[in-house]
C-alpha atoms as a PDB file:
ATOM      1  CA  MET A   1       0.093  -0.048  -0.042  1.00  0.00           C
ATOM      2  CA  GLU A   2       1.311   3.385  -0.867  1.00  0.00           C
ATOM      3  CA  ILE A   3       0.956   6.033   1.662  1.00  0.00           C
ATOM      4  CA  TRP A   4       1.539   9.751   0.908  1.00  0.00           C
ATOM      5  CA  ASN A   5       0.741  11.552   3.971  1.00  0.00           C
ATOM      6  CA  THR A   6      -1.189  11.254   7.200  1.00  0.00           C
ATOM      7  CA  GLY A   7      -4.661  12.384   5.969  1.00  0.00           C
ATOM      8  CA  PRO A   8      -7.571  10.141   5.689  1.00  0.00           C
ATOM      9  CA  PHE A   9      -7.619  10.094   1.819  1.00  0.00           C
ATOM     10  CA  ASP A  10      -3.665  10.271   1.530  1.00  0.00           C
ATOM     11  CA  ASN A  11      -3.027   6.714   0.413  1.00  0.00           C
ATOM     12  CA  HIS A  12      -3.546   4.517  -2.619  1.00  0.00           C
ATOM     13  CA  GLU A  13      -6.361   2.413  -1.012  1.00  0.00           C
ATOM     14  CA  ALA A  14      -8.323   5.757  -0.249  1.00  0.00           C
ATOM     15  CA  ALA A  15      -7.745   7.037  -3.747  1.00  0.00           C
ATOM     16  CA  GLU A  16      -9.118   3.811  -5.323  1.00  0.00           C
ATOM     17  CA  LEU A  17     -12.191   4.101  -2.920  1.00  0.00           C
ATOM     18  CA  LEU A  18     -12.983   7.679  -3.872  1.00  0.00           C
ATOM     19  CA  ASN A  19     -12.777   6.747  -7.657  1.00  0.00           C
ATOM     20  CA  ASP A  20     -15.238   3.885  -6.953  1.00  0.00           C
ATOM     21  CA  VAL A  21     -17.564   6.153  -5.058  1.00  0.00           C
ATOM     22  CA  ARG A  22     -17.503   8.690  -7.940  1.00  0.00           C
ATOM     23  CA  ALA A  23     -18.532   5.911 -10.407  1.00  0.00           C
ATOM     24  CA  GLY A  24     -21.297   4.742  -8.245  1.00  0.00           C
ATOM     25  CA  ASP A  25     -19.566   1.524  -7.144  1.00  0.00           C
ATOM     26  CA  LEU A  26     -19.737   1.509  -3.303  1.00  0.00           C
ATOM     27  CA  TYR A  27     -19.872  -2.226  -1.916  1.00  0.00           C
ATOM     28  CA  LEU A  28     -19.643  -1.829   1.866  1.00  0.00           C
ATOM     29  CA  GLU A  29     -19.942  -5.608   2.605  1.00  0.00           C
ATOM     30  CA  GLU A  30     -16.749  -6.302   0.779  1.00  0.00           C
ATOM     31  CA  LEU A  31     -14.771  -3.328   2.412  1.00  0.00           C
ATOM     32  CA  LEU A  32     -15.558  -3.687   6.048  1.00  0.00           C
ATOM     33  CA  PRO A  33     -14.224  -6.483   8.327  1.00  0.00           C
ATOM     34  CA  ASP A  34     -16.617  -9.116   9.770  1.00  0.00           C
ATOM     35  CA  SER A  35     -17.357  -8.600  13.339  1.00  0.00           C
ATOM     36  CA  GLY A  36     -15.059 -10.488  15.461  1.00  0.00           C
ATOM     37  CA  THR A  37     -12.008  -9.909  12.975  1.00  0.00           C
ATOM     38  CA  ARG A  38      -8.925  -9.927  15.299  1.00  0.00           C
ATOM     39  CA  TYR A  39      -6.426  -8.154  12.948  1.00  0.00           C
ATOM     40  CA  ILE A  40      -7.037  -5.530  10.310  1.00  0.00           C
ATOM     41  CA  GLU A  41      -4.475  -5.413   7.419  1.00  0.00           C
ATOM     42  CA  ALA A  42      -3.244  -1.982   6.394  1.00  0.00           C
ATOM     43  CA  ASP A  43      -5.136  -1.790   3.115  1.00  0.00           C
ATOM     44  CA  GLN A  44      -8.385  -2.554   4.899  1.00  0.00           C
ATOM     45  CA  GLY A  45      -7.558  -0.153   7.731  1.00  0.00           C
ATOM     46  CA  ALA A  46      -7.023   2.761   5.242  1.00  0.00           C
ATOM     47  CA  LEU A  47     -10.443   1.967   3.661  1.00  0.00           C
ATOM     48  CA  ILE A  48     -12.044   2.091   7.094  1.00  0.00           C
ATOM     49  CA  VAL A  49     -10.463   5.285   7.824  1.00  0.00           C
ATOM     50  CA  ALA A  50     -11.694   6.827   4.537  1.00  0.00           C
ATOM     51  CA  LEU A  51     -15.097   5.341   4.794  1.00  0.00           C
ATOM     52  CA  ALA A  52     -15.550   6.756   8.366  1.00  0.00           C
ATOM     53  CA  HIS A  53     -14.590  10.231   7.215  1.00  0.00           C
ATOM     54  CA  LEU A  54     -16.962   9.939   4.110  1.00  0.00           C
ATOM     55  CA  ALA A  55     -19.760   8.800   6.645  1.00  0.00           C
ATOM     56  CA  ALA A  56     -18.971  11.890   8.885  1.00  0.00           C
ATOM     57  CA  GLY A  57     -19.410  14.298   5.907  1.00  0.00           C
ATOM     58  CA  ASP A  58     -15.741  14.802   5.036  1.00  0.00           C
ATOM     59  CA  LEU A  59     -16.492  14.798   1.368  1.00  0.00           C
ATOM     60  CA  PRO A  60     -13.640  15.333  -1.131  1.00  0.00           C
ATOM     61  CA  GLU A  61     -14.181  17.047  -4.377  1.00  0.00           C
ATOM     62  CA  GLY A  62     -16.389  15.255  -6.713  1.00  0.00           C
ATOM     63  CA  ILE A  63     -18.195  13.223  -3.858  1.00  0.00           C
ATOM     64  CA  THR A  64     -21.790  14.130  -3.256  1.00  0.00           C
ATOM     65  CA  PRO A  65     -23.888  13.343  -0.167  1.00  0.00           C
ATOM     66  CA  GLU A  66     -26.041  11.188  -2.195  1.00  0.00           C
ATOM     67  CA  GLN A  67     -23.154   9.028  -3.215  1.00  0.00           C
ATOM     68  CA  VAL A  68     -22.464   8.280   0.386  1.00  0.00           C
ATOM     69  CA  MET A  69     -25.949   7.632   1.514  1.00  0.00           C
ATOM     70  CA  PRO A  70     -25.359   3.849   2.337  1.00  0.00           C
ATOM     71  CA  LEU A  71     -22.856   5.129   5.042  1.00  0.00           C
ATOM     72  CA  GLN A  72     -25.504   7.042   6.769  1.00  0.00           C
ATOM     73  CA  THR A  73     -27.486   4.351   8.364  1.00  0.00           C
ATOM     74  CA  PRO A  74     -27.101   3.870  11.997  1.00  0.00           C
ATOM     75  CA  GLU A  75     -26.117   0.374  11.693  1.00  0.00           C
ATOM     76  CA  MET A  76     -23.369   1.260   9.188  1.00  0.00           C
ATOM     77  CA  ARG A  77     -22.210   4.339  11.247  1.00  0.00           C
ATOM     78  CA  GLU A  78     -21.965   1.965  14.253  1.00  0.00           C
ATOM     79  CA  ARG A  79     -19.944  -0.559  12.287  1.00  0.00           C
ATOM     80  CA  LEU A  80     -17.738   2.059  11.013  1.00  0.00           C
ATOM     81  CA  ARG A  81     -17.140   3.538  14.556  1.00  0.00           C
ATOM     82  CA  GLN A  82     -16.137   0.181  15.873  1.00  0.00           C
ATOM     83  CA  SER A  83     -13.988  -0.707  12.933  1.00  0.00           C
ATOM     84  CA  LEU A  84     -12.280   2.687  13.090  1.00  0.00           C
ATOM     85  CA  GLY A  85     -11.652   2.282  16.888  1.00  0.00           C
ATOM     86  CA  ALA A  86      -9.741  -1.078  16.078  1.00  0.00           C
ATOM     87  CA  VAL A  87      -7.655   0.590  13.328  1.00  0.00           C
ATOM     88  CA  LEU A  88      -6.806   3.345  15.629  1.00  0.00           C
ATOM     89  CA  SER A  89      -5.952   1.113  18.533  1.00  0.00           C
ATOM     90  CA  ASP A  90      -2.388  -0.358  18.224  1.00  0.00           C
ATOM     91  CA  GLY A  91      -0.106  -2.515  16.033  1.00  0.00           C
ATOM     92  CA  THR A  92      -1.430  -5.778  17.598  1.00  0.00           C
ATOM     93  CA  VAL A  93      -4.869  -5.268  16.073  1.00  0.00           C
ATOM     94  CA  SER A  94      -4.140  -2.905  13.272  1.00  0.00           C
ATOM     95  CA  GLU A  95      -1.294  -3.105  10.742  1.00  0.00           C
ATOM     96  CA  LEU A  96      -1.806   0.489   9.727  1.00  0.00           C
ATOM     97  CA  ALA A  97      -1.322   1.649  13.483  1.00  0.00           C
ATOM     98  CA  GLY A  98       1.733  -0.440  13.516  1.00  0.00           C
ATOM     99  CA  HIS A  99       3.156   1.196  10.508  1.00  0.00           C
ATOM    100  CA  TRP A 100       2.493   4.619  11.796  1.00  0.00           C
ATOM    101  CA  ALA A 101       4.024   3.576  15.218  1.00  0.00           C
ATOM    102  CA  GLU A 102       7.233   2.611  13.287  1.00  0.00           C
ATOM    103  CA  GLN A 103       7.475   6.109  11.899  1.00  0.00           C
ATOM    104  CA  GLY A 104       7.694   7.621  15.295  1.00  0.00           C
ATOM    105  CA  THR A 105       5.521   9.105  18.014  1.00  0.00           C
ATOM    106  CA  ASP A 106       5.045  12.425  16.276  1.00  0.00           C
ATOM    107  CA  GLN A 107       3.957  10.763  13.129  1.00  0.00           C
ATOM    108  CA  LEU A 108       1.624   8.354  14.954  1.00  0.00           C
ATOM    109  CA  TYR A 109      -0.037  11.020  16.728  1.00  0.00           C
ATOM    110  CA  GLU A 110      -0.436  13.140  13.831  1.00  0.00           C
ATOM    111  CA  TRP A 111      -1.981  10.326  11.908  1.00  0.00           C
ATOM    112  CA  LYS A 112      -4.249   9.332  14.732  1.00  0.00           C
ATOM    113  CA  ALA A 113      -5.437  12.963  15.017  1.00  0.00           C
ATOM    114  CA  LYS A 114      -6.321  13.073  11.244  1.00  0.00           C
ATOM    115  CA  ALA A 115      -7.775   9.630  11.199  1.00  0.00           C
ATOM    116  CA  HIS A 116     -10.159   9.997  14.031  1.00  0.00           C
ATOM    117  CA  VAL A 117     -13.616  11.169  13.259  1.00  0.00           C
ATOM    118  CA  SER A 118     -16.739  11.233  15.479  1.00  0.00           C
ATOM    119  CA  LEU A 119     -19.542   9.077  14.114  1.00  0.00           C
ATOM    120  CA  GLY A 120     -21.811   9.579  17.065  1.00  0.00           C
END
């Protein structure tokens, strides 16, 4: 996975997701982990962060609220909230958190601050 910066859409996986959303191809069941998943790989973690930001209304250019309506159900927001919590936890649960921890404390905290979003 290519990572360009610490923002929620600053990686290859998120860029592909945004292209899919713009094209009307948002298949959430394929993108989110099953409940009970014990370890989240980096690419899936990046998707979770991006999806959580889309659900919270952080819409990059070319993305409309209508395109992300499937993310707005209470069930989906709760699933994203739980998944995001796991991604942000630590390297034993999240490969992406482990990657940022290896970059140093400053980078880890910057990534966590930018990746976190309130989903109510």
